[in-house]
N, C-alpha and C. Protein backbone atom coordinates (compact mmCIF):
# COMPACT_ATOMS: atom_id res chain seq x y z
N MET A 1 -126.22 -57.75 133.08
CA MET A 1 -127.36 -56.99 133.49
C MET A 1 -128.44 -57.08 132.42
N ILE A 2 -129.65 -57.35 132.81
CA ILE A 2 -130.78 -57.42 131.88
C ILE A 2 -131.55 -56.12 131.95
N SER A 3 -131.76 -55.54 130.79
CA SER A 3 -132.47 -54.27 130.72
C SER A 3 -133.97 -54.52 130.62
N ARG A 4 -134.74 -53.72 131.30
CA ARG A 4 -136.20 -53.81 131.18
C ARG A 4 -136.68 -53.24 129.86
N ASN A 5 -135.90 -52.33 129.31
CA ASN A 5 -136.24 -51.69 128.03
C ASN A 5 -135.14 -52.01 127.03
N PRO A 6 -135.21 -53.18 126.40
CA PRO A 6 -134.14 -53.53 125.46
C PRO A 6 -134.09 -52.56 124.30
N ILE A 7 -132.87 -52.32 123.83
CA ILE A 7 -132.67 -51.45 122.68
C ILE A 7 -132.86 -52.30 121.42
N PRO A 8 -133.63 -51.82 120.44
CA PRO A 8 -133.83 -52.58 119.21
C PRO A 8 -132.49 -52.92 118.55
N CYS A 9 -132.39 -54.13 118.08
CA CYS A 9 -131.20 -54.57 117.36
C CYS A 9 -131.62 -54.93 115.95
N LEU A 10 -131.11 -54.22 114.98
CA LEU A 10 -131.43 -54.44 113.59
C LEU A 10 -130.18 -54.87 112.86
N ALA A 11 -130.31 -55.39 111.67
CA ALA A 11 -129.14 -55.85 110.92
C ALA A 11 -128.96 -55.05 109.64
N LEU A 12 -127.73 -54.67 109.37
CA LEU A 12 -127.35 -54.12 108.08
C LEU A 12 -125.97 -54.67 107.79
N VAL A 13 -125.51 -54.52 106.57
CA VAL A 13 -124.24 -55.10 106.16
C VAL A 13 -123.30 -53.97 105.75
N LEU A 14 -122.08 -54.00 106.31
CA LEU A 14 -121.05 -53.04 105.94
C LEU A 14 -119.93 -53.82 105.27
N ALA A 15 -119.66 -53.52 104.01
CA ALA A 15 -118.59 -54.18 103.26
C ALA A 15 -117.48 -53.18 103.00
N LEU A 16 -116.30 -53.47 103.53
CA LEU A 16 -115.15 -52.60 103.30
C LEU A 16 -114.20 -53.33 102.38
N ILE A 17 -113.92 -52.71 101.25
CA ILE A 17 -113.03 -53.33 100.27
C ILE A 17 -111.70 -52.59 100.27
N GLY A 18 -110.69 -53.18 99.66
CA GLY A 18 -109.36 -52.60 99.63
C GLY A 18 -109.34 -51.22 99.01
N THR A 19 -108.15 -50.67 98.86
CA THR A 19 -108.03 -49.29 98.40
C THR A 19 -108.52 -49.08 96.98
N SER A 20 -108.60 -50.15 96.19
CA SER A 20 -109.13 -50.03 94.84
C SER A 20 -110.43 -50.80 94.76
N SER A 21 -111.50 -50.12 94.44
CA SER A 21 -112.80 -50.79 94.39
C SER A 21 -113.15 -51.25 92.98
N ALA A 22 -112.29 -51.06 92.02
CA ALA A 22 -112.60 -51.41 90.63
C ALA A 22 -112.93 -52.89 90.48
N ALA A 23 -112.18 -53.76 91.11
CA ALA A 23 -112.43 -55.20 90.98
C ALA A 23 -113.79 -55.58 91.54
N ALA A 24 -114.18 -54.95 92.63
CA ALA A 24 -115.46 -55.30 93.24
C ALA A 24 -116.63 -54.80 92.42
N GLN A 25 -116.41 -53.79 91.58
CA GLN A 25 -117.51 -53.22 90.82
C GLN A 25 -117.51 -53.66 89.36
N THR A 26 -116.53 -54.47 88.96
CA THR A 26 -116.44 -54.91 87.58
C THR A 26 -117.45 -56.02 87.33
N PRO A 27 -118.34 -55.86 86.36
CA PRO A 27 -119.32 -56.90 86.06
C PRO A 27 -118.62 -58.12 85.45
N PRO A 28 -119.27 -59.30 85.52
CA PRO A 28 -118.68 -60.49 84.91
C PRO A 28 -118.41 -60.25 83.44
N SER A 29 -117.32 -60.81 82.94
CA SER A 29 -116.98 -60.64 81.52
C SER A 29 -117.91 -61.50 80.67
N ALA A 30 -117.87 -61.27 79.36
CA ALA A 30 -118.72 -62.02 78.44
C ALA A 30 -118.41 -63.51 78.50
N SER A 31 -117.19 -63.88 78.89
CA SER A 31 -116.82 -65.29 78.95
C SER A 31 -117.17 -65.93 80.30
N SER A 32 -117.76 -65.17 81.21
CA SER A 32 -118.10 -65.69 82.53
C SER A 32 -119.25 -66.69 82.44
N PHE A 33 -119.19 -67.71 83.27
CA PHE A 33 -120.28 -68.69 83.35
C PHE A 33 -121.37 -68.25 84.32
N VAL A 34 -121.16 -67.13 85.00
CA VAL A 34 -122.12 -66.63 85.97
C VAL A 34 -123.13 -65.75 85.24
N PRO A 35 -124.43 -66.07 85.33
CA PRO A 35 -125.43 -65.21 84.69
C PRO A 35 -125.37 -63.80 85.29
N SER A 36 -125.58 -62.79 84.49
CA SER A 36 -125.45 -61.41 84.96
C SER A 36 -126.45 -61.05 86.05
N ASP A 37 -127.59 -61.70 86.11
CA ASP A 37 -128.60 -61.36 87.11
C ASP A 37 -128.80 -62.46 88.15
N TRP A 38 -127.76 -63.26 88.41
CA TRP A 38 -127.89 -64.40 89.31
C TRP A 38 -128.35 -64.00 90.71
N ASP A 39 -128.03 -62.77 91.14
CA ASP A 39 -128.35 -62.35 92.50
C ASP A 39 -129.56 -61.40 92.58
N ALA A 40 -130.32 -61.28 91.51
CA ALA A 40 -131.41 -60.30 91.45
C ALA A 40 -132.41 -60.46 92.59
N GLN A 41 -132.70 -61.67 93.00
CA GLN A 41 -133.70 -61.90 94.04
C GLN A 41 -133.16 -61.76 95.46
N ILE A 42 -131.84 -61.78 95.62
CA ILE A 42 -131.26 -61.74 96.97
C ILE A 42 -130.34 -60.55 97.21
N LYS A 43 -130.08 -59.77 96.21
CA LYS A 43 -129.15 -58.65 96.33
C LYS A 43 -129.69 -57.60 97.30
N LEU A 44 -128.83 -57.16 98.23
CA LEU A 44 -129.22 -56.12 99.17
C LEU A 44 -129.18 -54.76 98.47
N PRO A 45 -130.12 -53.89 98.78
CA PRO A 45 -130.08 -52.55 98.18
C PRO A 45 -128.89 -51.76 98.74
N GLU A 46 -128.32 -50.90 97.91
CA GLU A 46 -127.26 -50.00 98.35
C GLU A 46 -127.82 -48.59 98.40
N LEU A 47 -127.41 -47.84 99.40
CA LEU A 47 -127.92 -46.49 99.58
C LEU A 47 -127.19 -45.50 98.69
N PRO A 48 -127.89 -44.51 98.16
CA PRO A 48 -127.22 -43.52 97.32
C PRO A 48 -126.26 -42.66 98.15
N ASP A 49 -125.11 -42.37 97.55
CA ASP A 49 -124.11 -41.53 98.18
C ASP A 49 -124.51 -40.07 97.99
N LEU A 50 -124.65 -39.32 99.07
CA LEU A 50 -125.08 -37.93 99.02
C LEU A 50 -123.93 -36.96 98.81
N ASN A 51 -122.69 -37.47 98.86
CA ASN A 51 -121.52 -36.60 98.82
C ASN A 51 -120.76 -36.81 97.52
N PRO A 52 -120.43 -35.74 96.78
CA PRO A 52 -119.71 -35.90 95.51
C PRO A 52 -118.24 -36.30 95.68
N ASP A 53 -117.67 -36.12 96.86
CA ASP A 53 -116.27 -36.49 97.08
C ASP A 53 -116.14 -38.01 97.02
N PRO A 54 -115.27 -38.55 96.15
CA PRO A 54 -115.15 -40.00 96.00
C PRO A 54 -114.58 -40.70 97.24
N ARG A 55 -114.01 -39.96 98.19
CA ARG A 55 -113.45 -40.57 99.40
C ARG A 55 -114.38 -40.42 100.60
N ILE A 56 -115.58 -39.89 100.36
CA ILE A 56 -116.57 -39.74 101.43
C ILE A 56 -117.84 -40.45 101.00
N LEU A 57 -118.33 -41.36 101.82
CA LEU A 57 -119.62 -42.01 101.59
C LEU A 57 -120.58 -41.42 102.61
N GLU A 58 -121.58 -40.70 102.14
CA GLU A 58 -122.56 -40.05 103.01
C GLU A 58 -123.94 -40.58 102.67
N ILE A 59 -124.61 -41.13 103.67
CA ILE A 59 -125.90 -41.79 103.43
C ILE A 59 -126.92 -41.42 104.50
N ASN A 60 -128.18 -41.67 104.18
CA ASN A 60 -129.28 -41.55 105.14
C ASN A 60 -129.70 -42.95 105.55
N LEU A 61 -129.88 -43.15 106.85
CA LEU A 61 -130.30 -44.44 107.38
C LEU A 61 -131.40 -44.21 108.39
N THR A 62 -132.54 -44.88 108.20
CA THR A 62 -133.68 -44.69 109.08
C THR A 62 -134.11 -46.02 109.68
N ALA A 63 -134.23 -46.05 110.99
CA ALA A 63 -134.81 -47.20 111.68
C ALA A 63 -136.32 -46.99 111.69
N GLN A 64 -137.07 -47.96 111.13
CA GLN A 64 -138.51 -47.77 110.99
C GLN A 64 -139.23 -49.12 110.94
N LEU A 65 -140.51 -49.08 111.23
CA LEU A 65 -141.36 -50.26 111.07
C LEU A 65 -141.74 -50.40 109.60
N ALA A 66 -141.77 -51.63 109.12
CA ALA A 66 -142.17 -51.87 107.73
C ALA A 66 -142.67 -53.31 107.61
N ASP A 67 -143.52 -53.55 106.65
CA ASP A 67 -143.95 -54.90 106.32
C ASP A 67 -142.93 -55.50 105.38
N VAL A 68 -142.34 -56.64 105.78
CA VAL A 68 -141.31 -57.30 104.99
C VAL A 68 -141.62 -58.79 104.89
N ASP A 69 -141.03 -59.42 103.88
CA ASP A 69 -141.20 -60.86 103.68
C ASP A 69 -140.09 -61.60 104.42
N VAL A 70 -140.47 -62.52 105.28
CA VAL A 70 -139.51 -63.37 105.99
C VAL A 70 -139.91 -64.81 105.71
N ALA A 71 -139.13 -65.49 104.89
CA ALA A 71 -139.37 -66.89 104.53
C ALA A 71 -140.79 -67.11 104.03
N GLY A 72 -141.26 -66.20 103.18
CA GLY A 72 -142.58 -66.35 102.58
C GLY A 72 -143.74 -65.82 103.40
N THR A 73 -143.46 -65.23 104.56
CA THR A 73 -144.51 -64.69 105.41
C THR A 73 -144.30 -63.19 105.58
N ARG A 74 -145.36 -62.41 105.39
CA ARG A 74 -145.27 -60.96 105.59
C ARG A 74 -145.34 -60.67 107.09
N VAL A 75 -144.38 -59.92 107.59
CA VAL A 75 -144.35 -59.56 109.01
C VAL A 75 -144.11 -58.06 109.14
N HIS A 76 -144.57 -57.50 110.24
CA HIS A 76 -144.34 -56.11 110.58
C HIS A 76 -143.08 -56.11 111.44
N ALA A 77 -141.99 -55.49 110.97
CA ALA A 77 -140.70 -55.64 111.63
C ALA A 77 -139.95 -54.31 111.73
N TRP A 78 -139.01 -54.25 112.67
CA TRP A 78 -138.06 -53.15 112.74
C TRP A 78 -137.09 -53.31 111.58
N THR A 79 -136.87 -52.26 110.83
CA THR A 79 -136.02 -52.33 109.65
C THR A 79 -135.11 -51.12 109.57
N TYR A 80 -134.13 -51.19 108.70
CA TYR A 80 -133.38 -50.02 108.26
C TYR A 80 -133.87 -49.71 106.86
N ASN A 81 -134.36 -48.50 106.66
CA ASN A 81 -134.85 -48.02 105.37
C ASN A 81 -135.88 -48.96 104.74
N GLY A 82 -136.66 -49.61 105.58
CA GLY A 82 -137.75 -50.45 105.09
C GLY A 82 -137.36 -51.84 104.65
N GLY A 83 -136.11 -52.26 104.85
CA GLY A 83 -135.66 -53.57 104.41
C GLY A 83 -135.11 -54.40 105.56
N LEU A 84 -135.11 -55.68 105.35
CA LEU A 84 -134.56 -56.61 106.33
C LEU A 84 -133.71 -57.61 105.58
N PRO A 85 -132.40 -57.66 105.77
CA PRO A 85 -131.67 -57.17 106.93
C PRO A 85 -131.31 -55.69 106.86
N GLY A 86 -131.61 -55.01 105.83
CA GLY A 86 -131.23 -53.61 105.71
C GLY A 86 -130.28 -53.46 104.54
N PRO A 87 -129.88 -52.22 104.24
CA PRO A 87 -129.06 -51.97 103.06
C PRO A 87 -127.61 -52.41 103.24
N LEU A 88 -126.96 -52.61 102.11
CA LEU A 88 -125.53 -52.85 102.06
C LEU A 88 -124.83 -51.50 102.02
N ILE A 89 -123.86 -51.31 102.89
CA ILE A 89 -123.04 -50.10 102.88
C ILE A 89 -121.69 -50.52 102.34
N ARG A 90 -121.37 -50.09 101.13
CA ARG A 90 -120.12 -50.50 100.48
C ARG A 90 -119.18 -49.28 100.42
N ALA A 91 -118.00 -49.46 101.02
CA ALA A 91 -117.03 -48.37 101.06
C ALA A 91 -115.63 -48.95 100.93
N ARG A 92 -114.64 -48.06 100.79
CA ARG A 92 -113.24 -48.47 100.68
C ARG A 92 -112.50 -48.10 101.96
N VAL A 93 -111.41 -48.81 102.20
CA VAL A 93 -110.55 -48.47 103.32
C VAL A 93 -110.10 -47.02 103.17
N ASN A 94 -110.09 -46.31 104.27
CA ASN A 94 -109.71 -44.89 104.38
C ASN A 94 -110.79 -43.94 103.89
N ASP A 95 -111.94 -44.45 103.45
CA ASP A 95 -113.08 -43.57 103.15
C ASP A 95 -113.63 -43.03 104.47
N ARG A 96 -114.20 -41.85 104.42
CA ARG A 96 -114.94 -41.31 105.57
C ARG A 96 -116.41 -41.71 105.36
N LEU A 97 -117.00 -42.33 106.38
CA LEU A 97 -118.41 -42.71 106.34
C LEU A 97 -119.20 -41.73 107.19
N ILE A 98 -120.20 -41.12 106.59
CA ILE A 98 -121.10 -40.22 107.31
C ILE A 98 -122.50 -40.81 107.17
N VAL A 99 -123.10 -41.14 108.30
CA VAL A 99 -124.44 -41.73 108.31
C VAL A 99 -125.37 -40.80 109.07
N HIS A 100 -126.35 -40.25 108.35
CA HIS A 100 -127.38 -39.43 108.98
C HIS A 100 -128.48 -40.39 109.42
N PHE A 101 -128.47 -40.72 110.70
CA PHE A 101 -129.38 -41.73 111.24
C PHE A 101 -130.60 -41.07 111.86
N LYS A 102 -131.78 -41.61 111.52
CA LYS A 102 -133.03 -41.13 112.10
C LYS A 102 -133.78 -42.30 112.70
N ASN A 103 -134.29 -42.12 113.89
CA ASN A 103 -135.06 -43.17 114.56
C ASN A 103 -136.56 -42.88 114.44
N GLU A 104 -137.26 -43.70 113.66
CA GLU A 104 -138.71 -43.59 113.55
C GLU A 104 -139.41 -44.73 114.29
N LEU A 105 -138.65 -45.48 115.09
CA LEU A 105 -139.25 -46.54 115.92
C LEU A 105 -139.87 -45.92 117.17
N SER A 106 -140.72 -46.66 117.84
CA SER A 106 -141.32 -46.16 119.07
C SER A 106 -140.38 -46.32 120.26
N GLU A 107 -139.27 -47.01 120.08
CA GLU A 107 -138.29 -47.25 121.14
C GLU A 107 -136.99 -46.53 120.80
N PRO A 108 -136.21 -46.15 121.82
CA PRO A 108 -134.89 -45.59 121.55
C PRO A 108 -133.97 -46.65 120.95
N THR A 109 -133.03 -46.24 120.12
CA THR A 109 -132.12 -47.18 119.47
C THR A 109 -130.82 -46.49 119.09
N THR A 110 -129.86 -47.26 118.60
CA THR A 110 -128.58 -46.75 118.09
C THR A 110 -128.15 -47.66 116.95
N VAL A 111 -127.04 -47.31 116.30
CA VAL A 111 -126.39 -48.20 115.33
C VAL A 111 -125.07 -48.63 115.96
N HIS A 112 -124.90 -49.93 116.15
CA HIS A 112 -123.63 -50.48 116.64
C HIS A 112 -122.96 -51.19 115.47
N TRP A 113 -121.72 -50.86 115.21
CA TRP A 113 -120.98 -51.35 114.05
C TRP A 113 -120.19 -52.60 114.44
N HIS A 114 -120.85 -53.72 114.51
CA HIS A 114 -120.23 -54.97 114.97
C HIS A 114 -118.92 -55.25 114.24
N GLY A 115 -117.82 -55.31 114.99
CA GLY A 115 -116.53 -55.67 114.44
C GLY A 115 -115.77 -54.56 113.75
N VAL A 116 -116.38 -53.42 113.53
CA VAL A 116 -115.71 -52.32 112.86
C VAL A 116 -115.05 -51.44 113.93
N ARG A 117 -113.77 -51.13 113.74
CA ARG A 117 -113.08 -50.26 114.69
C ARG A 117 -113.46 -48.82 114.41
N VAL A 118 -114.15 -48.24 115.38
CA VAL A 118 -114.63 -46.86 115.25
C VAL A 118 -114.31 -46.11 116.55
N PRO A 119 -114.29 -44.79 116.49
CA PRO A 119 -114.13 -44.03 117.74
C PRO A 119 -115.27 -44.39 118.70
N ILE A 120 -114.97 -44.42 119.98
CA ILE A 120 -115.95 -44.85 120.99
C ILE A 120 -117.25 -44.05 120.88
N GLU A 121 -117.17 -42.77 120.53
CA GLU A 121 -118.37 -41.93 120.45
C GLU A 121 -119.30 -42.36 119.31
N MET A 122 -118.79 -43.19 118.39
CA MET A 122 -119.56 -43.63 117.23
C MET A 122 -119.98 -45.09 117.34
N ASP A 123 -119.71 -45.75 118.46
CA ASP A 123 -119.87 -47.20 118.58
C ASP A 123 -121.32 -47.64 118.83
N GLY A 124 -122.20 -46.77 119.19
CA GLY A 124 -123.62 -47.11 119.29
C GLY A 124 -124.01 -48.02 120.43
N VAL A 125 -123.28 -47.99 121.52
CA VAL A 125 -123.68 -48.77 122.70
C VAL A 125 -124.40 -47.81 123.64
N PRO A 126 -125.74 -47.95 123.74
CA PRO A 126 -126.53 -46.98 124.51
C PRO A 126 -126.03 -46.82 125.94
N ASP A 127 -125.92 -45.57 126.35
CA ASP A 127 -125.54 -45.16 127.70
C ASP A 127 -124.11 -45.55 128.06
N ILE A 128 -123.33 -46.08 127.12
CA ILE A 128 -121.91 -46.32 127.35
C ILE A 128 -121.11 -45.45 126.40
N SER A 129 -121.34 -45.62 125.08
CA SER A 129 -120.58 -44.82 124.12
C SER A 129 -121.39 -43.65 123.57
N GLN A 130 -122.69 -43.72 123.67
CA GLN A 130 -123.54 -42.61 123.22
C GLN A 130 -124.92 -42.78 123.84
N PRO A 131 -125.66 -41.69 123.98
CA PRO A 131 -127.04 -41.82 124.42
C PRO A 131 -127.88 -42.47 123.33
N ALA A 132 -128.90 -43.20 123.70
CA ALA A 132 -129.81 -43.79 122.72
C ALA A 132 -130.51 -42.67 121.95
N VAL A 133 -130.78 -42.93 120.68
CA VAL A 133 -131.48 -41.97 119.83
C VAL A 133 -132.98 -42.19 120.07
N GLN A 134 -133.64 -41.19 120.58
CA GLN A 134 -135.06 -41.29 120.91
C GLN A 134 -135.93 -41.23 119.66
N LYS A 135 -137.17 -41.67 119.79
CA LYS A 135 -138.14 -41.64 118.68
C LYS A 135 -138.19 -40.23 118.08
N GLY A 136 -138.05 -40.16 116.75
CA GLY A 136 -138.13 -38.90 116.04
C GLY A 136 -136.84 -38.10 116.03
N GLU A 137 -135.81 -38.56 116.75
CA GLU A 137 -134.55 -37.83 116.81
C GLU A 137 -133.55 -38.38 115.80
N THR A 138 -132.45 -37.66 115.63
CA THR A 138 -131.41 -38.05 114.68
C THR A 138 -130.05 -38.07 115.39
N PHE A 139 -129.11 -38.75 114.75
CA PHE A 139 -127.72 -38.77 115.21
C PHE A 139 -126.85 -38.94 113.98
N ASN A 140 -125.74 -38.21 113.90
CA ASN A 140 -124.82 -38.36 112.78
C ASN A 140 -123.61 -39.17 113.21
N TYR A 141 -123.43 -40.32 112.57
CA TYR A 141 -122.24 -41.14 112.75
C TYR A 141 -121.24 -40.70 111.71
N GLU A 142 -119.99 -40.48 112.13
CA GLU A 142 -118.97 -40.07 111.18
C GLU A 142 -117.63 -40.60 111.64
N PHE A 143 -116.98 -41.38 110.76
CA PHE A 143 -115.67 -41.93 111.08
C PHE A 143 -114.98 -42.42 109.81
N VAL A 144 -113.66 -42.62 109.91
CA VAL A 144 -112.87 -43.14 108.80
C VAL A 144 -112.79 -44.66 108.93
N LEU A 145 -112.99 -45.35 107.83
CA LEU A 145 -112.97 -46.81 107.80
C LEU A 145 -111.53 -47.28 107.60
N SER A 146 -111.01 -48.02 108.56
CA SER A 146 -109.57 -48.32 108.57
C SER A 146 -109.18 -49.72 108.13
N GLU A 147 -110.14 -50.64 107.96
CA GLU A 147 -109.80 -52.03 107.64
C GLU A 147 -110.75 -52.60 106.60
N THR A 148 -110.27 -53.60 105.85
CA THR A 148 -111.16 -54.29 104.93
C THR A 148 -111.94 -55.36 105.68
N GLY A 149 -113.06 -55.78 105.12
CA GLY A 149 -113.84 -56.85 105.72
C GLY A 149 -115.30 -56.73 105.33
N LEU A 150 -116.04 -57.76 105.66
CA LEU A 150 -117.50 -57.77 105.48
C LEU A 150 -118.07 -57.93 106.87
N TYR A 151 -118.74 -56.91 107.35
CA TYR A 151 -119.21 -56.88 108.72
C TYR A 151 -120.74 -57.00 108.75
N TRP A 152 -121.21 -58.01 109.46
CA TRP A 152 -122.64 -58.21 109.60
C TRP A 152 -122.94 -58.40 111.06
């Protein structure tokens, strides 16, 4: 079925690491051949965690229009938090993810977690698993992350 009013599709990255995140957060050692800032120009921003509990990742995510650079050209695009493809969400298996989502686009939208096993109410498929989030409205996604992987 083709919709006359397509729902905006934006990209963000969800990285789920094993039960211990120390290895993923350890900087290269002094003997490493990798420069410490090798990814400075391409590194995705990470959102600040609003929750002090180390097993809960709580973030704010906003769908909004922003001017971004795409292959050397400035374009006005749908973004998450002003970036394209959007922020990196880094969490551990069994963490609870709480996303305070706000839609500042002129069209209704949702967040669909491609490949991540989530409760159906959190899956972000408009009019199937949840109603679309209208302009200016919010929705709280909340679920436990059960598997490792990099989901884009």
